[in-house]
Amino acid sequence: MCNFVANMVYPRYSAMIGDLREAQQELEDYYAADQKEVEERAAAMTPGERADYLTGKTIAYTDKMMQRWDKLARLLIVKHNDQIMQPSENGVVVSSRRTSPAYAPAFIDAVKEQTGSRYVRK
């Protein structure tokens, strides 16, 4: 799932990175909020109990991450389908109002430099 999301984001990084960072921040906030309790509980356990507890936490965290990345992948597929972008809020596409993403200014400048006025509408 991580590779799938990464491979979707690579070619359209500037359009998709905001959605990826939102998902990443959500997970990081969740893990950080849980850290103190995990450390306190683990410190009070025997080594065997601690290993079992931390293994269980690792599995639960991994499952949460995979579920969130699956949700992100589905959002990216819907939101950025056919090189068109649909607005989203909190990881959900909110309307059928579509917009075409603009080219990066550096790309536009490079085309202008190479082609002059060849593609300018008159």
Foldseek 3Di string as FASTA:
>chain_A
DVVLLVVLCVVVVVVQVVLVVVLVVVLVVVCVVCVVVLVVVLVPDDPVVNVVSVVVVVVVSVVVSVVSVVLSSVLSCVQCPPQKGADDDPSGRDDPDIHHDDDDPVVVVVCCVVPPCVPPDD
